[in-house]
Amino acid sequence: MKSTCPTKTFTNLQELALYLRQFARKRDWEQYHSPKNLAAALSVEAAELLEHFQWKTEKQSGNLTAVEQQEVAYEMADVLMYLTRMADCLGIDLLEATARKVELNQIKYPAPDNEN
């Protein structure tokens, strides 16, 4: 069945967050979108993503069929949407938080000095 909905594209997380906020509001879902509920939903979607790799070898996990690749992409999109929605509800800028975390990781896990 071909979709009658136009394809929506996003150029940044703020656009996605706004779209998801409006999507939830139009359906009266905001009442269910507490941080606790969104964290639980995020965990479920991450588990659904993992399920696609559960019985695959390391090599198989990197060589998905086109159908598997699409299914994994949809699960990854679900994870991103719940994470973005949760960040929006909590007023967290994910890109800013990620930049800070990357900085902390660089300090915590410095690259080895390969100069001789």
PDB file of N, CA and C in Angstrom:
ATOM      1  N   MET A   1       0.837  -1.173   0.000  1.00  0.00           N
ATOM      2  CA  MET A   1       0.000   0.000   0.000  1.00  0.00           C
ATOM      3  C   MET A   1       0.892   1.251   0.000  1.00  0.00           C
ATOM      4  N   LYS A   2       0.687   2.104  -0.918  1.00  0.00           N
ATOM      5  CA  LYS A   2       1.471   3.325  -1.033  1.00  0.00           C
ATOM      6  C   LYS A   2       0.933   4.376  -0.067  1.00  0.00           C
ATOM      7  N   SER A   3       1.875   5.066   0.601  1.00  0.00           N
ATOM      8  CA  SER A   3       1.503   6.098   1.550  1.00  0.00           C
ATOM      9  C   SER A   3       0.962   7.329   0.826  1.00  0.00           C
ATOM     10  N   THR A   4      -0.080   7.923   1.416  1.00  0.00           N
ATOM     11  CA  THR A   4      -0.625   9.157   0.849  1.00  0.00           C
ATOM     12  C   THR A   4      -0.066  10.377   1.578  1.00  0.00           C
ATOM     13  N   CYS A   5       0.745  10.141   2.603  1.00  0.00           N
ATOM     14  CA  CYS A   5       1.356  11.241   3.360  1.00  0.00           C
ATOM     15  C   CYS A   5       2.610  11.710   2.636  1.00  0.00           C
ATOM     16  N   PRO A   6       2.790  13.024   2.558  1.00  0.00           N
ATOM     17  CA  PRO A   6       4.034  13.515   1.960  1.00  0.00           C
ATOM     18  C   PRO A   6       5.204  13.194   2.873  1.00  0.00           C
ATOM     19  N   THR A   7       6.363  12.960   2.295  1.00  0.00           N
ATOM     20  CA  THR A   7       7.551  12.671   3.072  1.00  0.00           C
ATOM     21  C   THR A   7       7.992  13.922   3.811  1.00  0.00           C
ATOM     22  N   LYS A   8       8.224  13.778   5.115  1.00  0.00           N
ATOM     23  CA  LYS A   8       8.668  14.890   5.953  1.00  0.00           C
ATOM     24  C   LYS A   8      10.172  14.756   6.147  1.00  0.00           C
ATOM     25  N   THR A   9      10.883  15.856   5.960  1.00  0.00           N
ATOM     26  CA  THR A   9      12.320  15.852   6.201  1.00  0.00           C
ATOM     27  C   THR A   9      12.645  16.877   7.279  1.00  0.00           C
ATOM     28  N   PHE A  10      13.706  16.616   8.023  1.00  0.00           N
ATOM     29  CA  PHE A  10      14.140  17.500   9.090  1.00  0.00           C
ATOM     30  C   PHE A  10      15.614  17.821   8.873  1.00  0.00           C
ATOM     31  N   THR A  11      15.982  19.063   9.127  1.00  0.00           N
ATOM     32  CA  THR A  11      17.381  19.449   8.945  1.00  0.00           C
ATOM     33  C   THR A  11      18.130  19.577  10.266  1.00  0.00           C
ATOM     34  N   ASN A  12      17.385  19.527  11.379  1.00  0.00           N
ATOM     35  CA  ASN A  12      18.051  19.573  12.681  1.00  0.00           C
ATOM     36  C   ASN A  12      17.115  19.009  13.749  1.00  0.00           C
ATOM     37  N   LEU A  13      17.651  18.806  14.943  1.00  0.00           N
ATOM     38  CA  LEU A  13      16.864  18.220  16.021  1.00  0.00           C
ATOM     39  C   LEU A  13      15.767  19.157  16.520  1.00  0.00           C
ATOM     40  N   GLN A  14      15.977  20.452  16.402  1.00  0.00           N
ATOM     41  CA  GLN A  14      14.946  21.399  16.840  1.00  0.00           C
ATOM     42  C   GLN A  14      13.694  21.279  15.974  1.00  0.00           C
ATOM     43  N   GLU A  15      13.886  21.115  14.676  1.00  0.00           N
ATOM     44  CA  GLU A  15      12.734  20.918  13.782  1.00  0.00           C
ATOM     45  C   GLU A  15      11.999  19.632  14.138  1.00  0.00           C
ATOM     46  N   LEU A  16      12.759  18.578  14.391  1.00  0.00           N
ATOM     47  CA  LEU A  16      12.157  17.301  14.757  1.00  0.00           C
ATOM     48  C   LEU A  16      11.402  17.432  16.079  1.00  0.00           C
ATOM     49  N   ALA A  17      12.007  18.077  17.060  1.00  0.00           N
ATOM     50  CA  ALA A  17      11.358  18.248  18.366  1.00  0.00           C
ATOM     51  C   ALA A  17      10.046  19.018  18.231  1.00  0.00           C
ATOM     52  N   LEU A  18      10.067  20.071  17.456  1.00  0.00           N
ATOM     53  CA  LEU A  18       8.850  20.865  17.247  1.00  0.00           C
ATOM     54  C   LEU A  18       7.767  20.030  16.567  1.00  0.00           C
ATOM     55  N   TYR A  19       8.147  19.292  15.543  1.00  0.00           N
ATOM     56  CA  TYR A  19       7.184  18.442  14.841  1.00  0.00           C
ATOM     57  C   TYR A  19       6.577  17.414  15.798  1.00  0.00           C
ATOM     58  N   LEU A  20       7.425  16.752  16.597  1.00  0.00           N
ATOM     59  CA  LEU A  20       6.942  15.729  17.521  1.00  0.00           C
ATOM     60  C   LEU A  20       6.054  16.330  18.610  1.00  0.00           C
ATOM     61  N   ARG A  21       6.403  17.534  19.072  1.00  0.00           N
ATOM     62  CA  ARG A  21       5.578  18.229  20.071  1.00  0.00           C
ATOM     63  C   ARG A  21       4.182  18.499  19.498  1.00  0.00           C
ATOM     64  N   GLN A  22       4.141  19.017  18.266  1.00  0.00           N
ATOM     65  CA  GLN A  22       2.852  19.317  17.631  1.00  0.00           C
ATOM     66  C   GLN A  22       2.076  18.038  17.333  1.00  0.00           C
ATOM     67  N   PHE A  23       2.777  16.995  16.903  1.00  0.00           N
ATOM     68  CA  PHE A  23       2.149  15.702  16.626  1.00  0.00           C
ATOM     69  C   PHE A  23       1.466  15.178  17.881  1.00  0.00           C
ATOM     70  N   ALA A  24       2.168  15.222  19.019  1.00  0.00           N
ATOM     71  CA  ALA A  24       1.605  14.746  20.283  1.00  0.00           C
ATOM     72  C   ALA A  24       0.440  15.619  20.733  1.00  0.00           C
ATOM     73  N   ARG A  25       0.601  16.921  20.600  1.00  0.00           N
ATOM     74  CA  ARG A  25      -0.441  17.863  21.031  1.00  0.00           C
ATOM     75  C   ARG A  25      -1.733  17.640  20.249  1.00  0.00           C
ATOM     76  N   LYS A  26      -1.631  17.469  18.939  1.00  0.00           N
ATOM     77  CA  LYS A  26      -2.825  17.278  18.100  1.00  0.00           C
ATOM     78  C   LYS A  26      -3.579  16.001  18.449  1.00  0.00           C
ATOM     79  N   ARG A  27      -2.897  15.051  19.044  1.00  0.00           N
ATOM     80  CA  ARG A  27      -3.514  13.767  19.375  1.00  0.00           C
ATOM     81  C   ARG A  27      -3.811  13.646  20.873  1.00  0.00           C
ATOM     82  N   ASP A  28      -3.585  14.723  21.614  1.00  0.00           N
ATOM     83  CA  ASP A  28      -3.774  14.752  23.066  1.00  0.00           C
ATOM     84  C   ASP A  28      -2.916  13.689  23.756  1.00  0.00           C
ATOM     85  N   TRP A  29      -1.703  13.501  23.259  1.00  0.00           N
ATOM     86  CA  TRP A  29      -0.783  12.531  23.840  1.00  0.00           C
ATOM     87  C   TRP A  29       0.140  13.153  24.879  1.00  0.00           C
ATOM     88  N   GLU A  30       0.152  14.473  24.992  1.00  0.00           N
ATOM     89  CA  GLU A  30       1.066  15.107  25.937  1.00  0.00           C
ATOM     90  C   GLU A  30       0.834  14.598  27.360  1.00  0.00           C
ATOM     91  N   GLN A  31      -0.403  14.220  27.674  1.00  0.00           N
ATOM     92  CA  GLN A  31      -0.722  13.701  29.003  1.00  0.00           C
ATOM     93  C   GLN A  31       0.068  12.418  29.309  1.00  0.00           C
ATOM     94  N   TYR A  32       0.501  11.707  28.285  1.00  0.00           N
ATOM     95  CA  TYR A  32       1.240  10.463  28.469  1.00  0.00           C
ATOM     96  C   TYR A  32       2.756  10.661  28.362  1.00  0.00           C
ATOM     97  N   HIS A  33       3.175  11.830  27.932  1.00  0.00           N
ATOM     98  CA  HIS A  33       4.584  12.057  27.640  1.00  0.00           C
ATOM     99  C   HIS A  33       5.343  12.645  28.825  1.00  0.00           C
ATOM    100  N   SER A  34       5.251  11.983  29.959  1.00  0.00           N
ATOM    101  CA  SER A  34       6.078  12.354  31.104  1.00  0.00           C
ATOM    102  C   SER A  34       7.487  11.822  30.840  1.00  0.00           C
ATOM    103  N   PRO A  35       8.498  12.416  31.459  1.00  0.00           N
ATOM    104  CA  PRO A  35       9.853  11.882  31.274  1.00  0.00           C
ATOM    105  C   PRO A  35       9.954  10.390  31.607  1.00  0.00           C
ATOM    106  N   LYS A  36       9.268   9.949  32.672  1.00  0.00           N
ATOM    107  CA  LYS A  36       9.292   8.530  33.046  1.00  0.00           C
ATOM    108  C   LYS A  36       8.723   7.658  31.935  1.00  0.00           C
ATOM    109  N   ASN A  37       7.565   8.039  31.397  1.00  0.00           N
ATOM    110  CA  ASN A  37       6.943   7.248  30.338  1.00  0.00           C
ATOM    111  C   ASN A  37       7.773   7.254  29.065  1.00  0.00           C
ATOM    112  N   LEU A  38       8.346   8.397  28.738  1.00  0.00           N
ATOM    113  CA  LEU A  38       9.180   8.483  27.541  1.00  0.00           C
ATOM    114  C   LEU A  38      10.459   7.669  27.693  1.00  0.00           C
ATOM    115  N   ALA A  39      11.035   7.660  28.900  1.00  0.00           N
ATOM    116  CA  ALA A  39      12.225   6.839  29.154  1.00  0.00           C
ATOM    117  C   ALA A  39      11.890   5.357  28.999  1.00  0.00           C
ATOM    118  N   ALA A  40      10.722   4.963  29.499  1.00  0.00           N
ATOM    119  CA  ALA A  40      10.297   3.565  29.349  1.00  0.00           C
ATOM    120  C   ALA A  40      10.100   3.218  27.875  1.00  0.00           C
ATOM    121  N   ALA A  41       9.432   4.095  27.129  1.00  0.00           N
ATOM    122  CA  ALA A  41       9.202   3.853  25.702  1.00  0.00           C
ATOM    123  C   ALA A  41      10.521   3.796  24.941  1.00  0.00           C
ATOM    124  N   LEU A  42      11.449   4.654  25.312  1.00  0.00           N
ATOM    125  CA  LEU A  42      12.775   4.657  24.691  1.00  0.00           C
ATOM    126  C   LEU A  42      13.475   3.321  24.927  1.00  0.00           C
ATOM    127  N   SER A  43      13.389   2.824  26.139  1.00  0.00           N
ATOM    128  CA  SER A  43      13.996   1.538  26.477  1.00  0.00           C
ATOM    129  C   SER A  43      13.385   0.398  25.665  1.00  0.00           C
ATOM    130  N   VAL A  44      12.078   0.420  25.502  1.00  0.00           N
ATOM    131  CA  VAL A  44      11.390  -0.608  24.709  1.00  0.00           C
ATOM    132  C   VAL A  44      11.856  -0.554  23.258  1.00  0.00           C
ATOM    133  N   GLU A  45      11.943   0.647  22.695  1.00  0.00           N
ATOM    134  CA  GLU A  45      12.376   0.781  21.298  1.00  0.00           C
ATOM    135  C   GLU A  45      13.828   0.352  21.125  1.00  0.00           C
ATOM    136  N   ALA A  46      14.681   0.660  22.104  1.00  0.00           N
ATOM    137  CA  ALA A  46      16.078   0.215  22.031  1.00  0.00           C
ATOM    138  C   ALA A  46      16.146  -1.309  22.067  1.00  0.00           C
ATOM    139  N   ALA A  47      15.286  -1.938  22.869  1.00  0.00           N
ATOM    140  CA  ALA A  47      15.231  -3.400  22.915  1.00  0.00           C
ATOM    141  C   ALA A  47      14.754  -3.971  21.579  1.00  0.00           C
ATOM    142  N   GLU A  48      13.784  -3.297  20.953  1.00  0.00           N
ATOM    143  CA  GLU A  48      13.311  -3.749  19.642  1.00  0.00           C
ATOM    144  C   GLU A  48      14.420  -3.637  18.600  1.00  0.00           C
ATOM    145  N   LEU A  49      15.246  -2.618  18.704  1.00  0.00           N
ATOM    146  CA  LEU A  49      16.403  -2.485  17.821  1.00  0.00           C
ATOM    147  C   LEU A  49      17.380  -3.642  18.052  1.00  0.00           C
ATOM    148  N   LEU A  50      17.677  -3.921  19.302  1.00  0.00           N
ATOM    149  CA  LEU A  50      18.592  -5.000  19.646  1.00  0.00           C
ATOM    150  C   LEU A  50      18.088  -6.354  19.157  1.00  0.00           C
ATOM    151  N   GLU A  51      16.792  -6.539  19.179  1.00  0.00           N
ATOM    152  CA  GLU A  51      16.188  -7.804  18.762  1.00  0.00           C
ATOM    153  C   GLU A  51      16.600  -8.194  17.338  1.00  0.00           C
ATOM    154  N   HIS A  52      16.808  -7.213  16.483  1.00  0.00           N
ATOM    155  CA  HIS A  52      17.202  -7.502  15.098  1.00  0.00           C
ATOM    156  C   HIS A  52      18.604  -8.108  15.007  1.00  0.00           C
ATOM    157  N   PHE A  53      19.401  -7.951  16.046  1.00  0.00           N
ATOM    158  CA  PHE A  53      20.791  -8.440  16.031  1.00  0.00           C
ATOM    159  C   PHE A  53      21.012  -9.596  17.001  1.00  0.00           C
ATOM    160  N   GLN A  54      19.986  -9.958  17.726  1.00  0.00           N
ATOM    161  CA  GLN A  54      20.100 -10.896  18.834  1.00  0.00           C
ATOM    162  C   GLN A  54      20.842 -12.185  18.491  1.00  0.00           C
ATOM    163  N   TRP A  55      20.541 -12.816  17.397  1.00  0.00           N
ATOM    164  CA  TRP A  55      21.138 -14.115  17.073  1.00  0.00           C
ATOM    165  C   TRP A  55      22.097 -14.042  15.891  1.00  0.00           C
ATOM    166  N   LYS A  56      22.537 -12.865  15.541  1.00  0.00           N
ATOM    167  CA  LYS A  56      23.470 -12.690  14.427  1.00  0.00           C
ATOM    168  C   LYS A  56      24.914 -12.708  14.937  1.00  0.00           C
ATOM    169  N   THR A  57      25.806 -13.163  14.092  1.00  0.00           N
ATOM    170  CA  THR A  57      27.231 -13.067  14.403  1.00  0.00           C
ATOM    171  C   THR A  57      27.679 -11.623  14.177  1.00  0.00           C
ATOM    172  N   GLU A  58      28.890 -11.316  14.589  1.00  0.00           N
ATOM    173  CA  GLU A  58      29.430  -9.976  14.342  1.00  0.00           C
ATOM    174  C   GLU A  58      29.394  -9.663  12.846  1.00  0.00           C
ATOM    175  N   LYS A  59      29.811 -10.625  12.027  1.00  0.00           N
ATOM    176  CA  LYS A  59      29.829 -10.409  10.581  1.00  0.00           C
ATOM    177  C   LYS A  59      28.422 -10.217  10.026  1.00  0.00           C
ATOM    178  N   GLN A  60      27.482 -11.056  10.442  1.00  0.00           N
ATOM    179  CA  GLN A  60      26.103 -10.948   9.964  1.00  0.00           C
ATOM    180  C   GLN A  60      25.478  -9.610  10.360  1.00  0.00           C
ATOM    181  N   SER A  61      25.833  -9.108  11.531  1.00  0.00           N
ATOM    182  CA  SER A  61      25.232  -7.854  12.002  1.00  0.00           C
ATOM    183  C   SER A  61      25.646  -6.665  11.138  1.00  0.00           C
ATOM    184  N   GLY A  62      26.744  -6.798  10.408  1.00  0.00           N
ATOM    185  CA  GLY A  62      27.188  -5.734   9.516  1.00  0.00           C
ATOM    186  C   GLY A  62      26.786  -5.935   8.069  1.00  0.00           C
ATOM    187  N   ASN A  63      26.092  -7.032   7.784  1.00  0.00           N
ATOM    188  CA  ASN A  63      25.676  -7.353   6.422  1.00  0.00           C
ATOM    189  C   ASN A  63      24.183  -7.658   6.380  1.00  0.00           C
ATOM    190  N   LEU A  64      23.388  -6.639   6.613  1.00  0.00           N
ATOM    191  CA  LEU A  64      21.942  -6.823   6.642  1.00  0.00           C
ATOM    192  C   LEU A  64      21.370  -6.835   5.234  1.00  0.00           C
ATOM    193  N   THR A  65      20.273  -7.569   5.073  1.00  0.00           N
ATOM    194  CA  THR A  65      19.550  -7.527   3.806  1.00  0.00           C
ATOM    195  C   THR A  65      18.875  -6.158   3.700  1.00  0.00           C
ATOM    196  N   ALA A  66      18.371  -5.842   2.537  1.00  0.00           N
ATOM    197  CA  ALA A  66      17.676  -4.566   2.352  1.00  0.00           C
ATOM    198  C   ALA A  66      16.456  -4.469   3.272  1.00  0.00           C
ATOM    199  N   VAL A  67      15.729  -5.556   3.431  1.00  0.00           N
ATOM    200  CA  VAL A  67      14.556  -5.573   4.304  1.00  0.00           C
ATOM    201  C   VAL A  67      14.979  -5.375   5.750  1.00  0.00           C
ATOM    202  N   GLU A  68      16.015  -6.097   6.184  1.00  0.00           N
ATOM    203  CA  GLU A  68      16.515  -5.943   7.556  1.00  0.00           C
ATOM    204  C   GLU A  68      17.012  -4.516   7.807  1.00  0.00           C
ATOM    205  N   GLN A  69      17.715  -3.982   6.819  1.00  0.00           N
ATOM    206  CA  GLN A  69      18.241  -2.611   6.932  1.00  0.00           C
ATOM    207  C   GLN A  69      17.095  -1.618   7.146  1.00  0.00           C
ATOM    208  N   GLN A  70      16.002  -1.777   6.416  1.00  0.00           N
ATOM    209  CA  GLN A  70      14.852  -0.878   6.564  1.00  0.00           C
ATOM    210  C   GLN A  70      14.206  -1.041   7.928  1.00  0.00           C
ATOM    211  N   GLU A  71      14.059  -2.285   8.382  1.00  0.00           N
ATOM    212  CA  GLU A  71      13.467  -2.528   9.704  1.00  0.00           C
ATOM    213  C   GLU A  71      14.327  -1.917  10.807  1.00  0.00           C
ATOM    214  N   VAL A  72      15.633  -2.078  10.704  1.00  0.00           N
ATOM    215  CA  VAL A  72      16.566  -1.492  11.677  1.00  0.00           C
ATOM    216  C   VAL A  72      16.488   0.033  11.625  1.00  0.00           C
ATOM    217  N   ALA A  73      16.403   0.589  10.431  1.00  0.00           N
ATOM    218  CA  ALA A  73      16.295   2.042  10.286  1.00  0.00           C
ATOM    219  C   ALA A  73      15.047   2.569  10.991  1.00  0.00           C
ATOM    220  N   TYR A  74      13.934   1.860  10.866  1.00  0.00           N
ATOM    221  CA  TYR A  74      12.701   2.287  11.530  1.00  0.00           C
ATOM    222  C   TYR A  74      12.831   2.205  13.050  1.00  0.00           C
ATOM    223  N   GLU A  75      13.473   1.165  13.551  1.00  0.00           N
ATOM    224  CA  GLU A  75      13.683   1.062  15.000  1.00  0.00           C
ATOM    225  C   GLU A  75      14.598   2.178  15.492  1.00  0.00           C
ATOM    226  N   MET A  76      15.635   2.481  14.711  1.00  0.00           N
ATOM    227  CA  MET A  76      16.533   3.579  15.082  1.00  0.00           C
ATOM    228  C   MET A  76      15.780   4.904  15.080  1.00  0.00           C
ATOM    229  N   ALA A  77      14.878   5.074  14.128  1.00  0.00           N
ATOM    230  CA  ALA A  77      14.066   6.290  14.067  1.00  0.00           C
ATOM    231  C   ALA A  77      13.162   6.384  15.293  1.00  0.00           C
ATOM    232  N   ASP A  78      12.585   5.263  15.720  1.00  0.00           N
ATOM    233  CA  ASP A  78      11.758   5.262  16.930  1.00  0.00           C
ATOM    234  C   ASP A  78      12.584   5.700  18.144  1.00  0.00           C
ATOM    235  N   VAL A  79      13.803   5.172  18.259  1.00  0.00           N
ATOM    236  CA  VAL A  79      14.687   5.552  19.365  1.00  0.00           C
ATOM    237  C   VAL A  79      14.963   7.057  19.320  1.00  0.00           C
ATOM    238  N   LEU A  80      15.302   7.556  18.138  1.00  0.00           N
ATOM    239  CA  LEU A  80      15.593   8.988  17.994  1.00  0.00           C
ATOM    240  C   LEU A  80      14.375   9.839  18.341  1.00  0.00           C
ATOM    241  N   MET A  81      13.206   9.422  17.896  1.00  0.00           N
ATOM    242  CA  MET A  81      12.005  10.208  18.169  1.00  0.00           C
ATOM    243  C   MET A  81      11.684  10.254  19.664  1.00  0.00           C
ATOM    244  N   TYR A  82      11.753   9.117  20.347  1.00  0.00           N
ATOM    245  CA  TYR A  82      11.478   9.123  21.784  1.00  0.00           C
ATOM    246  C   TYR A  82      12.545   9.911  22.545  1.00  0.00           C
ATOM    247  N   LEU A  83      13.791   9.770  22.155  1.00  0.00           N
ATOM    248  CA  LEU A  83      14.865  10.517  22.814  1.00  0.00           C
ATOM    249  C   LEU A  83      14.688  12.016  22.598  1.00  0.00           C
ATOM    250  N   THR A  84      14.358  12.401  21.385  1.00  0.00           N
ATOM    251  CA  THR A  84      14.136  13.815  21.069  1.00  0.00           C
ATOM    252  C   THR A  84      12.932  14.352  21.818  1.00  0.00           C
ATOM    253  N   ARG A  85      11.872  13.581  21.876  1.00  0.00           N
ATOM    254  CA  ARG A  85      10.661  14.011  22.596  1.00  0.00           C
ATOM    255  C   ARG A  85      10.957  14.181  24.078  1.00  0.00           C
ATOM    256  N   MET A  86      11.702  13.243  24.654  1.00  0.00           N
ATOM    257  CA  MET A  86      12.053  13.325  26.068  1.00  0.00           C
ATOM    258  C   MET A  86      12.917  14.556  26.347  1.00  0.00           C
ATOM    259  N   ALA A  87      13.888  14.806  25.498  1.00  0.00           N
ATOM    260  CA  ALA A  87      14.745  15.977  25.659  1.00  0.00           C
ATOM    261  C   ALA A  87      13.922  17.253  25.579  1.00  0.00           C
ATOM    262  N   ASP A  88      12.977  17.302  24.654  1.00  0.00           N
ATOM    263  CA  ASP A  88      12.117  18.472  24.511  1.00  0.00           C
ATOM    264  C   ASP A  88      11.294  18.684  25.775  1.00  0.00           C
ATOM    265  N   CYS A  89      10.733  17.627  26.313  1.00  0.00           N
ATOM    266  CA  CYS A  89       9.918  17.736  27.527  1.00  0.00           C
ATOM    267  C   CYS A  89      10.747  18.202  28.724  1.00  0.00           C
ATOM    268  N   LEU A  90      12.016  17.841  28.747  1.00  0.00           N
ATOM    269  CA  LEU A  90      12.889  18.215  29.865  1.00  0.00           C
ATOM    270  C   LEU A  90      13.672  19.503  29.602  1.00  0.00           C
ATOM    271  N   GLY A  91      13.525  20.068  28.403  1.00  0.00           N
ATOM    272  CA  GLY A  91      14.252  21.289  28.082  1.00  0.00           C
ATOM    273  C   GLY A  91      15.746  21.076  27.903  1.00  0.00           C
ATOM    274  N   ILE A  92      16.110  19.912  27.403  1.00  0.00           N
ATOM    275  CA  ILE A  92      17.524  19.574  27.180  1.00  0.00           C
ATOM    276  C   ILE A  92      17.857  19.715  25.705  1.00  0.00           C
ATOM    277  N   ASP A  93      18.908  20.459  25.418  1.00  0.00           N
ATOM    278  CA  ASP A  93      19.419  20.586  24.052  1.00  0.00           C
ATOM    279  C   ASP A  93      20.359  19.405  23.821  1.00  0.00           C
ATOM    280  N   LEU A  94      19.910  18.427  23.048  1.00  0.00           N
ATOM    281  CA  LEU A  94      20.688  17.202  22.842  1.00  0.00           C
ATOM    282  C   LEU A  94      22.038  17.459  22.181  1.00  0.00           C
ATOM    283  N   LEU A  95      22.076  18.358  21.211  1.00  0.00           N
ATOM    284  CA  LEU A  95      23.354  18.618  20.542  1.00  0.00           C
ATOM    285  C   LEU A  95      24.341  19.287  21.493  1.00  0.00           C
ATOM    286  N   GLU A  96      23.852  20.190  22.323  1.00  0.00           N
ATOM    287  CA  GLU A  96      24.724  20.837  23.311  1.00  0.00           C
ATOM    288  C   GLU A  96      25.190  19.820  24.357  1.00  0.00           C
ATOM    289  N   ALA A  97      24.284  18.991  24.840  1.00  0.00           N
ATOM    290  CA  ALA A  97      24.643  17.964  25.814  1.00  0.00           C
ATOM    291  C   ALA A  97      25.644  16.977  25.224  1.00  0.00           C
ATOM    292  N   THR A  98      25.460  16.637  23.958  1.00  0.00           N
ATOM    293  CA  THR A  98      26.384  15.719  23.287  1.00  0.00           C
ATOM    294  C   THR A  98      27.764  16.343  23.142  1.00  0.00           C
ATOM    295  N   ALA A  99      27.802  17.625  22.784  1.00  0.00           N
ATOM    296  CA  ALA A  99      29.095  18.307  22.655  1.00  0.00           C
ATOM    297  C   ALA A  99      29.835  18.306  23.986  1.00  0.00           C
ATOM    298  N   ARG A 100      29.116  18.564  25.068  1.00  0.00           N
ATOM    299  CA  ARG A 100      29.740  18.545  26.398  1.00  0.00           C
ATOM    300  C   ARG A 100      30.223  17.150  26.760  1.00  0.00           C
ATOM    301  N   LYS A 101      29.408  16.147  26.450  1.00  0.00           N
ATOM    302  CA  LYS A 101      29.777  14.766  26.778  1.00  0.00           C
ATOM    303  C   LYS A 101      30.993  14.312  25.971  1.00  0.00           C
ATOM    304  N   VAL A 102      31.060  14.708  24.701  1.00  0.00           N
ATOM    305  CA  VAL A 102      32.227  14.386  23.870  1.00  0.00           C
ATOM    306  C   VAL A 102      33.487  14.989  24.496  1.00  0.00           C
ATOM    307  N   GLU A 103      33.367  16.231  24.948  1.00  0.00           N
ATOM    308  CA  GLU A 103      34.485  16.908  25.602  1.00  0.00           C
ATOM    309  C   GLU A 103      34.925  16.144  26.848  1.00  0.00           C
ATOM    310  N   LEU A 104      33.957  15.732  27.664  1.00  0.00           N
ATOM    311  CA  LEU A 104      34.279  14.959  28.865  1.00  0.00           C
ATOM    312  C   LEU A 104      34.924  13.621  28.517  1.00  0.00           C
ATOM    313  N   ASN A 105      34.426  12.978  27.460  1.00  0.00           N
ATOM    314  CA  ASN A 105      35.015  11.706  27.020  1.00  0.00           C
ATOM    315  C   ASN A 105      36.445  11.876  26.539  1.00  0.00           C
ATOM    316  N   GLN A 106      36.739  13.005  25.886  1.00  0.00           N
ATOM    317  CA  GLN A 106      38.107  13.258  25.430  1.00  0.00           C
ATOM    318  C   GLN A 106      39.059  13.381  26.620  1.00  0.00           C
ATOM    319  N   ILE A 107      38.570  13.961  27.703  1.00  0.00           N
ATOM    320  CA  ILE A 107      39.391  14.092  28.902  1.00  0.00           C
ATOM    321  C   ILE A 107      39.521  12.741  29.610  1.00  0.00           C
ATOM    322  N   LYS A 108      38.407  12.042  29.730  1.00  0.00           N
ATOM    323  CA  LYS A 108      38.385  10.765  30.438  1.00  0.00           C
ATOM    324  C   LYS A 108      39.126   9.657  29.684  1.00  0.00           C
ATOM    325  N   TYR A 109      39.044   9.692  28.359  1.00  0.00           N
ATOM    326  CA  TYR A 109      39.652   8.656  27.523  1.00  0.00           C
ATOM    327  C   TYR A 109      40.571   9.302  26.491  1.00  0.00           C
ATOM    328  N   PRO A 110      41.723   9.813  26.919  1.00  0.00           N
ATOM    329  CA  PRO A 110      42.609  10.479  25.947  1.00  0.00           C
ATOM    330  C   PRO A 110      43.170   9.484  24.939  1.00  0.00           C
ATOM    331  N   ALA A 111      43.342   9.951  23.720  1.00  0.00           N
ATOM    332  CA  ALA A 111      43.928   9.110  22.673  1.00  0.00           C
ATOM    333  C   ALA A 111      45.401   8.889  23.024  1.00  0.00           C
ATOM    334  N   PRO A 112      45.904   7.689  22.731  1.00  0.00           N
ATOM    335  CA  PRO A 112      47.324   7.446  23.022  1.00  0.00           C
ATOM    336  C   PRO A 112      48.214   8.337  22.178  1.00  0.00           C
ATOM    337  N   ASP A 113      49.311   8.728  22.750  1.00  0.00           N
ATOM    338  CA  ASP A 113      50.286   9.553  22.038  1.00  0.00           C
ATOM    339  C   ASP A 113      51.110   8.638  21.146  1.00  0.00           C
ATOM    340  N   ASN A 114      50.884   8.722  19.839  1.00  0.00           N
ATOM    341  CA  ASN A 114      51.555   7.828  18.882  1.00  0.00           C
ATOM    342  C   ASN A 114      52.807   8.421  18.287  1.00  0.00           C
ATOM    343  N   GLU A 115      53.210   9.577  18.777  1.00  0.00           N
ATOM    344  CA  GLU A 115      54.425  10.199  18.238  1.00  0.00           C
ATOM    345  C   GLU A 115      55.639   9.522  18.840  1.00  0.00           C
ATOM    346  N   ASN A 116      56.630   9.230  17.976  1.00  0.00           N
ATOM    347  CA  ASN A 116      57.862   8.582  18.438  1.00  0.00           C
ATOM    348  C   ASN A 116      59.001   9.552  18.390  1.00  0.00           C
TER     349      ASN A 116
END
